[in-house]
Protein backbone atom coordinates (compact mmCIF):
# COMPACT_ATOMS: atom_id res chain seq x y z
CA UNK A 1 0.00 0.00 0.00
CA UNK A 2 2.96 2.27 0.54
CA UNK A 3 4.54 1.06 -2.68
CA UNK A 4 2.43 1.48 -5.83
CA UNK A 5 4.02 -1.50 -7.63
CA UNK A 6 2.91 -4.04 -5.04
CA UNK A 7 0.15 -6.42 -6.12
CA UNK A 8 -1.98 -7.51 -3.15
CA UNK A 9 -3.56 -10.94 -3.65
CA UNK A 10 -7.33 -11.30 -3.42
CA UNK A 11 -8.96 -12.97 -0.39
CA UNK A 12 -9.95 -15.94 -2.57
CA UNK A 13 -6.32 -16.41 -3.68
CA UNK A 14 -5.11 -16.38 -0.08
CA UNK A 15 -7.86 -18.79 0.96
CA UNK A 16 -7.02 -21.17 -1.89
CA UNK A 17 -3.30 -21.06 -1.04
CA UNK A 18 -3.91 -21.73 2.67
CA UNK A 19 -6.19 -24.67 1.86
CA UNK A 20 -3.61 -26.08 -0.54
CA UNK A 21 -0.80 -25.79 2.02
CA UNK A 22 -2.98 -27.47 4.64
CA UNK A 23 -3.78 -30.30 2.25
CA UNK A 24 -0.12 -30.78 1.30
CA UNK A 25 1.20 -30.72 4.87
CA UNK A 26 -1.58 -32.55 6.78
CA UNK A 27 -0.27 -36.09 6.17
CA UNK A 28 3.36 -35.15 6.81
CA UNK A 29 2.53 -33.46 10.12
CA UNK A 30 0.31 -36.37 11.21
CA UNK A 31 3.11 -38.89 10.53
CA UNK A 32 5.65 -36.68 12.27
CA UNK A 33 3.52 -36.31 15.40
CA UNK A 34 2.57 -40.00 15.53
CA UNK A 35 6.21 -41.05 15.27
CA UNK A 36 7.36 -38.66 18.01
CA UNK A 37 8.77 -40.46 21.04
CA UNK A 38 8.45 -38.77 24.38
CA UNK A 39 6.41 -35.87 25.62
CA UNK A 40 5.03 -33.09 23.49
CA UNK A 41 4.22 -29.68 24.92
CA UNK A 42 1.19 -27.90 23.48
CA UNK A 43 0.35 -24.32 24.40
CA UNK A 44 -3.13 -22.92 23.85
CA UNK A 45 -3.78 -19.19 23.85
CA UNK A 46 -7.27 -18.73 25.27
CA UNK A 47 -7.19 -14.97 24.82
CA UNK A 48 -7.30 -15.19 21.05
CA UNK A 49 -9.40 -18.34 20.79
CA UNK A 50 -12.66 -17.67 18.93
CA UNK A 51 -14.69 -19.66 21.46
CA UNK A 52 -13.81 -17.51 24.50
CA UNK A 53 -16.92 -16.42 26.38
CA UNK A 54 -17.04 -12.68 27.00
CA UNK A 55 -19.09 -11.52 29.96
CA UNK A 56 -20.95 -8.25 30.01
């Protein structure tokens, strides 16, 4: 936006690319995680989770 020669991709292009990357990496990540020996630390950020209940 600050540089006039920059072409910003459309939302549908970004969505398509994200879905393609997910599809290409899903099996590899599943195999990697299933073959992991030992403990695995997972961190979940509840502040940015879309299912956080907000009280009024």
